[in-house]
């Protein structure tokens, strides 16, 4: 009597994506590096590399450094590296060549996480809505009122891990903020930020790397 042969084992299709790498280029100040290092610790299923440009202070410097990193990417067809992303993080404030820096990033496929007037706008949105067109110093003072441990003048950082626990709230508030600026006819006018596009991309990549829940 013929034996029943076991069906050939077939390799199951992958239900998880490889971890994507996000290279974030920002200024060498306290707040931005502290936030993204905390994000790196929190979101473990995406690879986050931080490139700090010491005392840059100029968006164009950050944009140029970001463009250099894109040119060095392997770029092989169907490779994991094809999905890696480089992001430039910089402020509007009163810096020169801001618009030129944005255009350079867009031309070189660099993601832009820009804030007007400063990165602290994004941190405030973890706690509350914010629509006052204040300057940098007033924005920093408002953040300090929400996070007493923060003191820019003394180089003291906010509790970024605590803030990141509310990151989804911040992303939703940012969308409302940008919609309000668009209604005013100035989509990226003060206050506004696109940092949420970066954080959302990282969190989405982490979800894909984890695969479907079992």
N, C-alpha and C. Protein backbone atom coordinates (compact mmCIF):
# COMPACT_ATOMS: atom_id res chain seq x y z
N UNK A 1 0.85 -1.19 0.00
CA UNK A 1 0.00 0.00 0.00
C UNK A 1 0.88 1.24 0.00
N UNK A 2 0.61 2.17 -0.91
CA UNK A 2 1.46 3.36 -1.02
C UNK A 2 1.32 4.24 0.20
N UNK A 3 2.43 4.73 0.60
CA UNK A 3 2.40 5.66 1.74
C UNK A 3 1.98 7.04 1.27
N UNK A 4 1.24 7.68 2.17
CA UNK A 4 0.89 9.07 1.88
C UNK A 4 2.12 9.94 2.12
N UNK A 5 2.52 10.68 1.11
CA UNK A 5 3.69 11.55 1.26
C UNK A 5 3.27 12.88 1.88
N UNK A 6 4.05 13.32 2.81
CA UNK A 6 3.76 14.61 3.45
C UNK A 6 3.95 15.73 2.43
N UNK A 7 3.10 16.68 2.41
CA UNK A 7 3.26 17.80 1.47
C UNK A 7 4.57 18.52 1.72
N UNK A 8 5.15 19.02 0.63
CA UNK A 8 6.39 19.76 0.76
C UNK A 8 6.20 20.99 1.64
N UNK A 9 7.16 21.18 2.52
CA UNK A 9 7.09 22.36 3.37
C UNK A 9 7.40 23.60 2.54
N UNK A 10 6.58 24.55 2.66
CA UNK A 10 6.77 25.79 1.92
C UNK A 10 7.14 26.91 2.89
N UNK A 11 8.03 27.71 2.42
CA UNK A 11 8.42 28.85 3.27
C UNK A 11 7.27 29.84 3.35
N UNK A 12 6.93 30.18 4.55
CA UNK A 12 5.86 31.17 4.73
C UNK A 12 6.32 32.54 4.28
N UNK A 13 5.43 33.26 3.60
CA UNK A 13 5.82 34.61 3.21
C UNK A 13 6.10 35.47 4.43
N UNK A 14 7.04 36.32 4.31
CA UNK A 14 7.39 37.20 5.44
C UNK A 14 6.22 38.08 5.79
N UNK A 15 5.89 38.15 7.05
CA UNK A 15 4.79 39.02 7.48
C UNK A 15 5.33 40.23 8.24
N UNK A 16 6.64 40.38 8.22
CA UNK A 16 7.25 41.54 8.84
C UNK A 16 8.27 42.14 7.88
N UNK A 17 8.37 43.46 7.91
CA UNK A 17 9.39 44.13 7.11
C UNK A 17 10.67 44.28 7.91
N UNK A 18 11.82 44.31 7.22
CA UNK A 18 13.06 44.61 7.94
C UNK A 18 12.96 45.99 8.59
N UNK A 19 13.73 46.17 9.63
CA UNK A 19 13.73 47.48 10.29
C UNK A 19 14.26 48.55 9.36
N UNK A 20 13.55 49.62 9.27
CA UNK A 20 14.00 50.75 8.46
C UNK A 20 14.91 51.64 9.29
N UNK A 21 15.84 52.26 8.61
CA UNK A 21 16.78 53.15 9.29
C UNK A 21 16.42 54.61 8.98
N UNK A 22 16.32 55.40 10.02
CA UNK A 22 16.06 56.83 9.89
C UNK A 22 17.29 57.59 10.39
N UNK A 23 17.91 58.34 9.51
CA UNK A 23 19.04 59.18 9.90
C UNK A 23 18.54 60.60 10.06
N UNK A 24 18.66 61.12 11.26
CA UNK A 24 18.13 62.44 11.59
C UNK A 24 19.30 63.39 11.79
N UNK A 25 19.31 64.47 11.03
CA UNK A 25 20.38 65.47 11.11
C UNK A 25 19.81 66.72 11.77
N UNK A 26 20.42 67.14 12.87
CA UNK A 26 19.91 68.30 13.60
C UNK A 26 21.07 69.09 14.19
N UNK A 27 20.75 70.23 14.76
CA UNK A 27 21.76 71.08 15.39
C UNK A 27 22.28 70.45 16.68
N UNK A 28 23.47 70.90 17.06
CA UNK A 28 24.09 70.35 18.26
C UNK A 28 23.71 71.07 19.53
N UNK A 29 22.42 71.35 19.72
CA UNK A 29 21.96 71.95 20.96
C UNK A 29 21.38 70.84 21.85
N UNK A 30 20.91 71.22 23.02
CA UNK A 30 20.46 70.23 23.99
C UNK A 30 19.13 69.58 23.62
N UNK A 31 18.16 70.38 23.19
CA UNK A 31 16.78 69.90 23.14
C UNK A 31 16.54 68.87 22.05
N UNK A 32 16.92 69.17 20.81
CA UNK A 32 16.64 68.26 19.71
C UNK A 32 17.32 66.90 19.90
N UNK A 33 18.64 66.86 20.17
CA UNK A 33 19.26 65.55 20.39
C UNK A 33 18.63 64.78 21.54
N UNK A 34 18.28 65.46 22.62
CA UNK A 34 17.68 64.77 23.76
C UNK A 34 16.35 64.14 23.37
N UNK A 35 15.55 64.86 22.60
CA UNK A 35 14.24 64.33 22.20
C UNK A 35 14.40 63.09 21.32
N UNK A 36 15.25 63.18 20.32
CA UNK A 36 15.37 62.06 19.39
C UNK A 36 16.10 60.87 19.99
N UNK A 37 16.97 61.11 20.95
CA UNK A 37 17.57 59.98 21.67
C UNK A 37 16.51 59.27 22.51
N UNK A 38 15.62 60.03 23.12
CA UNK A 38 14.53 59.43 23.88
C UNK A 38 13.59 58.66 22.95
N UNK A 39 13.34 59.20 21.76
CA UNK A 39 12.50 58.50 20.79
C UNK A 39 13.15 57.19 20.36
N UNK A 40 14.46 57.22 20.17
CA UNK A 40 15.20 56.02 19.79
C UNK A 40 15.06 54.93 20.84
N UNK A 41 15.11 55.30 22.10
CA UNK A 41 14.96 54.34 23.19
C UNK A 41 13.54 53.79 23.24
N UNK A 42 12.57 54.63 22.91
CA UNK A 42 11.16 54.26 23.04
C UNK A 42 10.69 53.39 21.88
N UNK A 43 11.08 53.75 20.65
CA UNK A 43 10.63 53.02 19.46
C UNK A 43 11.74 52.08 19.04
N UNK A 44 11.68 50.84 19.47
CA UNK A 44 12.79 49.91 19.28
C UNK A 44 12.73 49.14 17.96
N UNK A 45 11.61 49.18 17.27
CA UNK A 45 11.48 48.40 16.04
C UNK A 45 11.76 49.22 14.78
N UNK A 46 12.37 50.37 14.94
CA UNK A 46 12.90 51.15 13.83
C UNK A 46 14.29 51.60 14.25
N UNK A 47 15.20 51.69 13.31
CA UNK A 47 16.57 52.09 13.61
C UNK A 47 16.69 53.60 13.46
N UNK A 48 17.09 54.26 14.52
CA UNK A 48 17.21 55.72 14.51
C UNK A 48 18.66 56.11 14.75
N UNK A 49 19.26 56.75 13.77
CA UNK A 49 20.62 57.28 13.90
C UNK A 49 20.53 58.80 13.99
N UNK A 50 21.33 59.37 14.86
CA UNK A 50 21.30 60.82 15.06
C UNK A 50 22.64 61.40 14.62
N UNK A 51 22.58 62.35 13.70
CA UNK A 51 23.78 63.07 13.26
C UNK A 51 23.66 64.49 13.77
N UNK A 52 24.50 64.85 14.72
CA UNK A 52 24.44 66.19 15.32
C UNK A 52 25.49 67.07 14.65
N UNK A 53 25.03 68.20 14.13
CA UNK A 53 25.92 69.16 13.49
C UNK A 53 26.25 70.22 14.52
N UNK A 54 27.46 70.23 15.09
CA UNK A 54 27.79 71.13 16.20
C UNK A 54 27.64 72.60 15.82
N UNK A 55 26.89 73.31 16.64
CA UNK A 55 26.75 74.77 16.49
C UNK A 55 26.45 75.18 15.06
N UNK A 56 25.62 74.42 14.38
CA UNK A 56 25.30 74.77 12.99
C UNK A 56 24.54 76.08 12.95
N UNK A 57 23.36 76.09 13.54
CA UNK A 57 22.59 77.32 13.62
C UNK A 57 22.02 77.79 12.30
N UNK A 58 22.32 77.08 11.21
CA UNK A 58 21.88 77.54 9.90
C UNK A 58 21.22 76.37 9.17
N UNK A 59 19.96 76.52 8.74
CA UNK A 59 19.28 75.43 8.05
C UNK A 59 20.04 74.90 6.84
N UNK A 60 20.69 75.77 6.08
CA UNK A 60 21.39 75.31 4.88
C UNK A 60 22.52 74.34 5.23
N UNK A 61 23.20 74.56 6.35
CA UNK A 61 24.25 73.64 6.77
C UNK A 61 23.68 72.25 7.02
N UNK A 62 22.55 72.20 7.69
CA UNK A 62 21.91 70.93 7.99
C UNK A 62 21.40 70.28 6.70
N UNK A 63 20.82 71.08 5.80
CA UNK A 63 20.32 70.54 4.54
C UNK A 63 21.45 69.95 3.70
N UNK A 64 22.58 70.64 3.64
CA UNK A 64 23.72 70.15 2.86
C UNK A 64 24.27 68.86 3.44
N UNK A 65 24.38 68.80 4.76
CA UNK A 65 24.87 67.58 5.40
C UNK A 65 23.91 66.42 5.14
N UNK A 66 22.62 66.68 5.18
CA UNK A 66 21.63 65.64 4.92
C UNK A 66 21.73 65.14 3.48
N UNK A 67 21.91 66.07 2.54
CA UNK A 67 22.02 65.70 1.14
C UNK A 67 23.25 64.82 0.90
N UNK A 68 24.33 65.10 1.61
CA UNK A 68 25.54 64.27 1.50
C UNK A 68 25.26 62.84 1.94
N UNK A 69 24.49 62.68 2.99
CA UNK A 69 24.19 61.34 3.50
C UNK A 69 23.33 60.56 2.52
N UNK A 70 22.42 61.24 1.82
CA UNK A 70 21.59 60.57 0.82
C UNK A 70 22.47 60.07 -0.32
N UNK A 71 23.43 60.86 -0.75
CA UNK A 71 24.31 60.46 -1.86
C UNK A 71 25.13 59.23 -1.51
N UNK A 72 25.39 59.01 -0.22
CA UNK A 72 26.20 57.87 0.19
C UNK A 72 25.40 56.59 0.34
N UNK A 73 24.06 56.69 0.26
CA UNK A 73 23.23 55.51 0.45
C UNK A 73 23.48 54.50 -0.67
N UNK A 74 23.46 53.20 -0.35
CA UNK A 74 23.75 52.18 -1.34
C UNK A 74 22.81 52.21 -2.54
N UNK A 75 21.49 52.35 -2.31
CA UNK A 75 20.55 52.50 -3.40
C UNK A 75 20.41 51.27 -4.29
N UNK A 76 20.65 50.09 -3.77
CA UNK A 76 20.51 48.89 -4.59
C UNK A 76 19.03 48.56 -4.76
N UNK A 77 18.68 48.01 -5.93
CA UNK A 77 17.30 47.68 -6.21
C UNK A 77 16.83 46.59 -5.25
N UNK A 78 15.62 46.76 -4.72
CA UNK A 78 15.01 45.79 -3.81
C UNK A 78 15.82 45.55 -2.54
N UNK A 79 16.69 46.47 -2.19
CA UNK A 79 17.47 46.29 -0.97
C UNK A 79 16.78 46.97 0.20
N UNK A 80 17.13 46.55 1.40
CA UNK A 80 16.59 47.19 2.60
C UNK A 80 16.97 48.66 2.61
N UNK A 81 18.20 48.94 2.14
CA UNK A 81 18.67 50.31 2.19
C UNK A 81 17.82 51.25 1.35
N UNK A 82 17.12 50.70 0.35
CA UNK A 82 16.26 51.53 -0.49
C UNK A 82 15.19 52.24 0.34
N UNK A 83 14.81 51.65 1.46
CA UNK A 83 13.73 52.22 2.26
C UNK A 83 14.25 53.08 3.41
N UNK A 84 15.56 53.19 3.54
CA UNK A 84 16.11 54.07 4.57
C UNK A 84 15.75 55.52 4.25
N UNK A 85 15.67 56.33 5.29
CA UNK A 85 15.28 57.74 5.12
C UNK A 85 16.25 58.65 5.85
N UNK A 86 16.50 59.81 5.25
CA UNK A 86 17.30 60.86 5.88
C UNK A 86 16.38 62.06 6.10
N UNK A 87 16.43 62.61 7.29
CA UNK A 87 15.58 63.75 7.64
C UNK A 87 16.44 64.90 8.19
N UNK A 88 16.10 66.10 7.78
CA UNK A 88 16.75 67.31 8.30
C UNK A 88 15.79 68.00 9.26
N UNK A 89 16.30 68.35 10.42
CA UNK A 89 15.50 69.02 11.45
C UNK A 89 16.08 70.41 11.68
N UNK A 90 15.32 71.45 11.37
CA UNK A 90 15.83 72.81 11.59
C UNK A 90 14.68 73.78 11.82
N UNK A 91 15.05 74.97 12.32
CA UNK A 91 14.08 75.99 12.70
C UNK A 91 14.04 77.13 11.68
N UNK A 92 12.86 77.77 11.63
CA UNK A 92 12.73 78.99 10.83
C UNK A 92 13.43 80.15 11.53
N UNK A 93 13.01 80.47 12.73
CA UNK A 93 13.56 81.56 13.53
C UNK A 93 13.93 82.73 12.63
N UNK A 94 15.15 83.25 12.72
CA UNK A 94 15.58 84.34 11.84
C UNK A 94 16.76 83.90 10.98
N UNK A 95 16.87 82.60 10.73
CA UNK A 95 18.00 82.09 9.99
C UNK A 95 17.93 82.48 8.51
N UNK A 96 19.07 82.72 7.88
CA UNK A 96 19.08 83.01 6.45
C UNK A 96 18.93 81.73 5.63
N UNK A 97 18.52 81.87 4.39
CA UNK A 97 18.47 80.77 3.42
C UNK A 97 17.56 79.63 3.87
N UNK A 98 16.54 79.95 4.64
CA UNK A 98 15.64 78.90 5.12
C UNK A 98 14.90 78.24 3.96
N UNK A 99 14.29 79.03 3.09
CA UNK A 99 13.53 78.48 1.97
C UNK A 99 14.43 77.70 1.02
N UNK A 100 15.65 78.19 0.83
CA UNK A 100 16.60 77.48 -0.04
C UNK A 100 16.96 76.12 0.56
N UNK A 101 17.07 76.06 1.88
CA UNK A 101 17.37 74.79 2.55
C UNK A 101 16.24 73.78 2.36
N UNK A 102 15.00 74.26 2.46
CA UNK A 102 13.85 73.38 2.24
C UNK A 102 13.86 72.84 0.81
N UNK A 103 14.12 73.72 -0.15
CA UNK A 103 14.13 73.29 -1.56
C UNK A 103 15.25 72.28 -1.83
N UNK A 104 16.42 72.48 -1.21
CA UNK A 104 17.51 71.54 -1.39
C UNK A 104 17.12 70.16 -0.86
N UNK A 105 16.52 70.13 0.32
CA UNK A 105 16.08 68.86 0.89
C UNK A 105 15.07 68.16 -0.02
N UNK A 106 14.12 68.91 -0.51
CA UNK A 106 13.11 68.32 -1.37
C UNK A 106 13.73 67.78 -2.65
N UNK A 107 14.71 68.49 -3.19
CA UNK A 107 15.36 68.05 -4.43
C UNK A 107 16.19 66.79 -4.22
N UNK A 108 16.69 66.59 -3.02
CA UNK A 108 17.57 65.46 -2.73
C UNK A 108 16.85 64.33 -1.98
N UNK A 109 15.52 64.39 -1.94
CA UNK A 109 14.72 63.36 -1.26
C UNK A 109 15.04 63.25 0.23
N UNK A 110 15.29 64.38 0.84
CA UNK A 110 15.50 64.46 2.29
C UNK A 110 14.20 64.92 2.94
N UNK A 111 13.76 64.21 3.97
CA UNK A 111 12.58 64.65 4.69
C UNK A 111 12.87 65.92 5.47
N UNK A 112 11.88 66.79 5.57
CA UNK A 112 12.05 68.08 6.25
C UNK A 112 11.14 68.14 7.47
N UNK A 113 11.76 68.26 8.64
CA UNK A 113 11.03 68.47 9.89
C UNK A 113 11.35 69.89 10.35
N UNK A 114 10.58 70.84 9.86
CA UNK A 114 10.86 72.25 10.13
C UNK A 114 9.87 72.81 11.15
N UNK A 115 10.35 73.75 11.92
CA UNK A 115 9.50 74.37 12.94
C UNK A 115 9.62 75.88 12.85
N UNK A 116 8.50 76.55 13.07
CA UNK A 116 8.47 78.01 13.01
C UNK A 116 7.78 78.54 14.27
N UNK A 117 8.48 79.21 15.19
CA UNK A 117 9.85 79.67 15.00
C UNK A 117 10.92 78.67 15.42
N UNK A 118 10.57 77.67 16.27
CA UNK A 118 11.61 76.81 16.83
C UNK A 118 11.04 75.44 17.20
N UNK A 119 11.92 74.50 17.46
CA UNK A 119 11.58 73.12 17.76
C UNK A 119 10.68 73.00 18.99
N UNK A 120 10.81 73.94 19.90
CA UNK A 120 10.02 73.88 21.14
C UNK A 120 8.52 73.91 20.88
N UNK A 121 8.10 74.43 19.71
CA UNK A 121 6.68 74.36 19.33
C UNK A 121 6.20 72.91 19.37
N UNK A 122 6.99 72.02 18.80
CA UNK A 122 6.63 70.60 18.77
C UNK A 122 6.50 70.03 20.17
N UNK A 123 7.36 70.42 21.07
CA UNK A 123 7.31 69.90 22.44
C UNK A 123 6.07 70.42 23.17
N UNK A 124 5.73 71.67 22.95
CA UNK A 124 4.52 72.23 23.58
C UNK A 124 3.29 71.42 23.18
N UNK A 125 3.24 70.99 21.92
CA UNK A 125 2.06 70.28 21.43
C UNK A 125 1.88 68.90 22.07
N UNK A 126 2.88 68.41 22.78
CA UNK A 126 2.69 67.19 23.55
C UNK A 126 1.79 67.44 24.75
N UNK A 127 1.71 68.70 25.15
CA UNK A 127 0.96 69.06 26.36
C UNK A 127 -0.36 69.76 26.06
N UNK A 128 -0.40 70.57 25.00
CA UNK A 128 -1.57 71.40 24.77
C UNK A 128 -1.56 71.96 23.35
N UNK A 129 -2.72 72.41 22.88
CA UNK A 129 -2.77 73.14 21.62
C UNK A 129 -2.04 74.47 21.78
N UNK A 130 -1.56 75.00 20.67
CA UNK A 130 -0.82 76.27 20.74
C UNK A 130 -0.97 76.99 19.42
N UNK A 131 -1.43 78.25 19.46
CA UNK A 131 -1.66 79.00 18.23
C UNK A 131 -1.16 80.43 18.30
N UNK A 132 -0.43 80.79 19.33
CA UNK A 132 0.06 82.17 19.42
C UNK A 132 1.30 82.34 18.54
N UNK A 133 1.34 83.37 17.69
CA UNK A 133 2.50 83.58 16.82
C UNK A 133 3.65 84.25 17.55
N UNK A 134 4.11 83.62 18.63
CA UNK A 134 5.16 84.19 19.46
C UNK A 134 6.53 83.98 18.84
N UNK A 135 7.51 84.77 19.28
CA UNK A 135 8.89 84.57 18.90
C UNK A 135 9.52 83.44 19.70
N UNK A 136 10.77 83.12 19.36
CA UNK A 136 11.46 82.00 19.98
C UNK A 136 11.48 82.09 21.51
N UNK A 137 11.84 83.24 22.06
CA UNK A 137 12.00 83.35 23.51
C UNK A 137 10.68 83.17 24.25
N UNK A 138 9.60 83.70 23.68
CA UNK A 138 8.29 83.52 24.30
C UNK A 138 7.84 82.07 24.22
N UNK A 139 8.17 81.40 23.12
CA UNK A 139 7.83 79.98 22.97
C UNK A 139 8.58 79.15 24.01
N UNK A 140 9.85 79.43 24.18
CA UNK A 140 10.65 78.71 25.18
C UNK A 140 10.11 78.94 26.59
N UNK A 141 9.71 80.16 26.86
CA UNK A 141 9.15 80.46 28.19
C UNK A 141 7.85 79.70 28.42
N UNK A 142 7.05 79.57 27.36
CA UNK A 142 5.79 78.82 27.50
C UNK A 142 6.08 77.34 27.75
N UNK A 143 7.07 76.79 27.05
CA UNK A 143 7.43 75.40 27.29
C UNK A 143 7.90 75.21 28.73
N UNK A 144 8.66 76.16 29.24
CA UNK A 144 9.14 76.04 30.61
C UNK A 144 7.99 76.08 31.61
N UNK A 145 6.93 76.83 31.27
CA UNK A 145 5.77 76.86 32.16
C UNK A 145 5.06 75.50 32.20
N UNK A 146 5.18 74.74 31.11
CA UNK A 146 4.58 73.41 31.05
C UNK A 146 5.51 72.33 31.57
N UNK A 147 6.81 72.55 31.41
CA UNK A 147 7.83 71.58 31.83
C UNK A 147 8.84 72.32 32.70
N UNK A 148 8.60 72.47 33.99
CA UNK A 148 9.47 73.29 34.85
C UNK A 148 10.93 72.85 34.87
N UNK A 149 11.18 71.59 34.53
CA UNK A 149 12.57 71.11 34.53
C UNK A 149 13.37 71.68 33.36
N UNK A 150 12.67 72.21 32.36
CA UNK A 150 13.32 72.75 31.17
C UNK A 150 13.79 74.18 31.41
N UNK A 151 15.00 74.48 31.03
CA UNK A 151 15.53 75.83 31.12
C UNK A 151 16.59 75.99 30.04
N UNK A 152 16.20 76.61 28.93
CA UNK A 152 17.12 76.72 27.80
C UNK A 152 18.35 77.53 28.15
N UNK A 153 18.18 78.57 28.96
CA UNK A 153 19.31 79.43 29.31
C UNK A 153 20.40 78.67 30.07
N UNK A 154 19.98 77.66 30.83
CA UNK A 154 20.93 76.87 31.62
C UNK A 154 21.24 75.52 30.99
N UNK A 155 20.75 75.31 29.77
CA UNK A 155 21.01 74.05 29.08
C UNK A 155 20.28 72.86 29.67
N UNK A 156 19.19 73.11 30.39
CA UNK A 156 18.43 72.02 31.01
C UNK A 156 17.35 71.54 30.06
N UNK A 157 17.24 70.24 29.92
CA UNK A 157 16.34 69.64 28.95
C UNK A 157 15.00 69.30 29.58
N UNK A 158 13.94 69.25 28.76
CA UNK A 158 12.66 68.75 29.28
C UNK A 158 12.74 67.24 29.47
N UNK A 159 11.78 66.68 30.18
CA UNK A 159 11.70 65.24 30.37
C UNK A 159 11.12 64.64 29.09
N UNK A 160 12.00 64.30 28.14
CA UNK A 160 11.54 63.87 26.82
C UNK A 160 10.82 62.54 26.85
N UNK A 161 11.22 61.64 27.71
CA UNK A 161 10.52 60.36 27.81
C UNK A 161 9.06 60.56 28.24
N UNK A 162 8.85 61.48 29.15
CA UNK A 162 7.47 61.77 29.57
C UNK A 162 6.67 62.37 28.42
N UNK A 163 7.31 63.27 27.66
CA UNK A 163 6.62 63.89 26.53
C UNK A 163 6.27 62.86 25.47
N UNK A 164 7.21 61.97 25.17
CA UNK A 164 6.99 61.00 24.10
C UNK A 164 5.84 60.06 24.42
N UNK A 165 5.56 59.88 25.68
CA UNK A 165 4.39 59.06 26.05
C UNK A 165 3.10 59.67 25.51
N UNK A 166 3.14 60.95 25.13
CA UNK A 166 1.95 61.64 24.61
C UNK A 166 2.13 62.00 23.14
N UNK A 167 2.95 61.25 22.43
CA UNK A 167 3.32 61.63 21.07
C UNK A 167 2.14 61.60 20.10
N UNK A 168 1.21 60.67 20.29
CA UNK A 168 0.06 60.62 19.39
C UNK A 168 -0.82 61.84 19.57
N UNK A 169 -0.97 62.32 20.80
CA UNK A 169 -1.70 63.57 21.03
C UNK A 169 -1.01 64.73 20.32
N UNK A 170 0.32 64.76 20.41
CA UNK A 170 1.08 65.83 19.77
C UNK A 170 0.89 65.81 18.26
N UNK A 171 0.89 64.63 17.67
CA UNK A 171 0.72 64.53 16.22
C UNK A 171 -0.65 65.04 15.80
N UNK A 172 -1.68 64.70 16.55
CA UNK A 172 -3.03 65.18 16.21
C UNK A 172 -3.13 66.69 16.39
N UNK A 173 -2.54 67.22 17.45
CA UNK A 173 -2.57 68.67 17.65
C UNK A 173 -1.83 69.40 16.54
N UNK A 174 -0.73 68.80 16.08
CA UNK A 174 0.04 69.43 15.01
C UNK A 174 -0.77 69.52 13.73
N UNK A 175 -1.51 68.48 13.41
CA UNK A 175 -2.36 68.52 12.21
C UNK A 175 -3.39 69.63 12.31
N UNK A 176 -3.98 69.79 13.49
CA UNK A 176 -4.94 70.88 13.68
C UNK A 176 -4.25 72.24 13.55
N UNK A 177 -3.05 72.33 14.08
CA UNK A 177 -2.30 73.58 14.01
C UNK A 177 -1.99 73.95 12.56
N UNK A 178 -1.53 72.99 11.79
CA UNK A 178 -1.21 73.25 10.38
C UNK A 178 -2.47 73.60 9.59
N UNK A 179 -3.58 72.95 9.91
CA UNK A 179 -4.84 73.28 9.23
C UNK A 179 -5.25 74.72 9.53
N UNK A 180 -5.03 75.15 10.77
CA UNK A 180 -5.36 76.53 11.13
C UNK A 180 -4.48 77.52 10.38
N UNK A 181 -3.17 77.21 10.24
CA UNK A 181 -2.27 78.10 9.50
C UNK A 181 -2.68 78.14 8.01
N UNK A 182 -3.08 77.00 7.47
CA UNK A 182 -3.50 76.96 6.07
C UNK A 182 -4.75 77.82 5.87
N UNK A 183 -5.69 77.77 6.83
CA UNK A 183 -6.89 78.60 6.74
C UNK A 183 -6.54 80.08 6.79
N UNK A 184 -5.44 80.41 7.45
CA UNK A 184 -5.00 81.80 7.54
C UNK A 184 -4.23 82.24 6.30
N UNK A 185 -3.95 81.29 5.38
CA UNK A 185 -3.23 81.61 4.15
C UNK A 185 -1.73 81.52 4.27
N UNK A 186 -1.22 80.97 5.39
CA UNK A 186 0.22 80.82 5.59
C UNK A 186 0.48 79.44 6.18
N UNK A 187 0.54 78.39 5.35
CA UNK A 187 0.58 77.01 5.85
C UNK A 187 1.71 76.72 6.83
N UNK A 188 2.85 77.40 6.65
CA UNK A 188 3.99 77.14 7.54
C UNK A 188 4.37 78.38 8.35
N UNK A 189 3.40 79.27 8.52
CA UNK A 189 3.64 80.45 9.33
C UNK A 189 3.68 80.09 10.81
N UNK A 190 4.06 81.04 11.67
CA UNK A 190 4.15 80.75 13.11
C UNK A 190 2.77 80.74 13.77
N UNK A 191 2.55 79.83 14.71
CA UNK A 191 3.41 78.69 15.03
C UNK A 191 3.05 77.49 14.18
N UNK A 192 4.06 76.74 13.77
CA UNK A 192 3.81 75.53 12.99
C UNK A 192 5.04 74.63 13.06
N UNK A 193 4.82 73.36 12.78
CA UNK A 193 5.92 72.40 12.77
C UNK A 193 5.52 71.19 11.93
N UNK A 194 6.50 70.57 11.29
CA UNK A 194 6.25 69.32 10.55
C UNK A 194 7.01 68.15 11.17
N UNK A 195 7.47 68.31 12.40
CA UNK A 195 8.19 67.22 13.06
C UNK A 195 7.31 65.98 13.18
N UNK A 196 6.00 66.17 13.26
CA UNK A 196 5.10 65.02 13.40
C UNK A 196 5.21 64.08 12.20
N UNK A 197 5.57 64.59 11.02
CA UNK A 197 5.72 63.71 9.86
C UNK A 197 6.86 62.73 10.07
N UNK A 198 7.92 63.19 10.71
CA UNK A 198 9.06 62.33 11.01
C UNK A 198 8.70 61.30 12.08
N UNK A 199 8.11 61.75 13.18
CA UNK A 199 7.79 60.82 14.26
C UNK A 199 6.75 59.79 13.81
N UNK A 200 5.80 60.22 13.01
CA UNK A 200 4.78 59.28 12.52
C UNK A 200 5.40 58.25 11.57
N UNK A 201 6.34 58.70 10.73
CA UNK A 201 7.01 57.77 9.81
C UNK A 201 7.81 56.73 10.59
N UNK A 202 8.49 57.15 11.64
CA UNK A 202 9.26 56.22 12.47
C UNK A 202 8.33 55.22 13.15
N UNK A 203 7.27 55.70 13.71
CA UNK A 203 6.36 54.80 14.42
C UNK A 203 5.67 53.83 13.47
N UNK A 204 5.35 54.30 12.26
CA UNK A 204 4.74 53.42 11.26
C UNK A 204 5.72 52.32 10.84
N UNK A 205 6.98 52.71 10.61
CA UNK A 205 8.00 51.73 10.24
C UNK A 205 8.18 50.69 11.34
N UNK A 206 8.11 51.12 12.58
CA UNK A 206 8.24 50.18 13.70
C UNK A 206 7.08 49.19 13.72
N UNK A 207 5.90 49.66 13.40
CA UNK A 207 4.73 48.78 13.34
C UNK A 207 4.89 47.73 12.25
N UNK A 208 5.40 48.14 11.09
CA UNK A 208 5.61 47.18 9.99
C UNK A 208 6.67 46.14 10.37
N UNK A 209 7.70 46.59 11.10
CA UNK A 209 8.76 45.67 11.50
C UNK A 209 8.28 44.65 12.53
N UNK A 210 7.35 45.05 13.36
CA UNK A 210 6.80 44.11 14.36
C UNK A 210 5.92 43.07 13.71
N UNK A 211 5.26 43.43 12.61
CA UNK A 211 4.36 42.51 11.94
C UNK A 211 3.01 42.48 12.63
N UNK A 212 2.08 41.67 12.08
CA UNK A 212 0.73 41.62 12.65
C UNK A 212 0.76 41.03 14.06
N UNK A 213 -0.08 41.54 14.90
CA UNK A 213 -0.18 41.02 16.27
C UNK A 213 -0.76 39.62 16.24
N UNK A 214 -0.31 38.83 17.17
CA UNK A 214 -0.75 37.43 17.20
C UNK A 214 -1.76 37.23 18.32
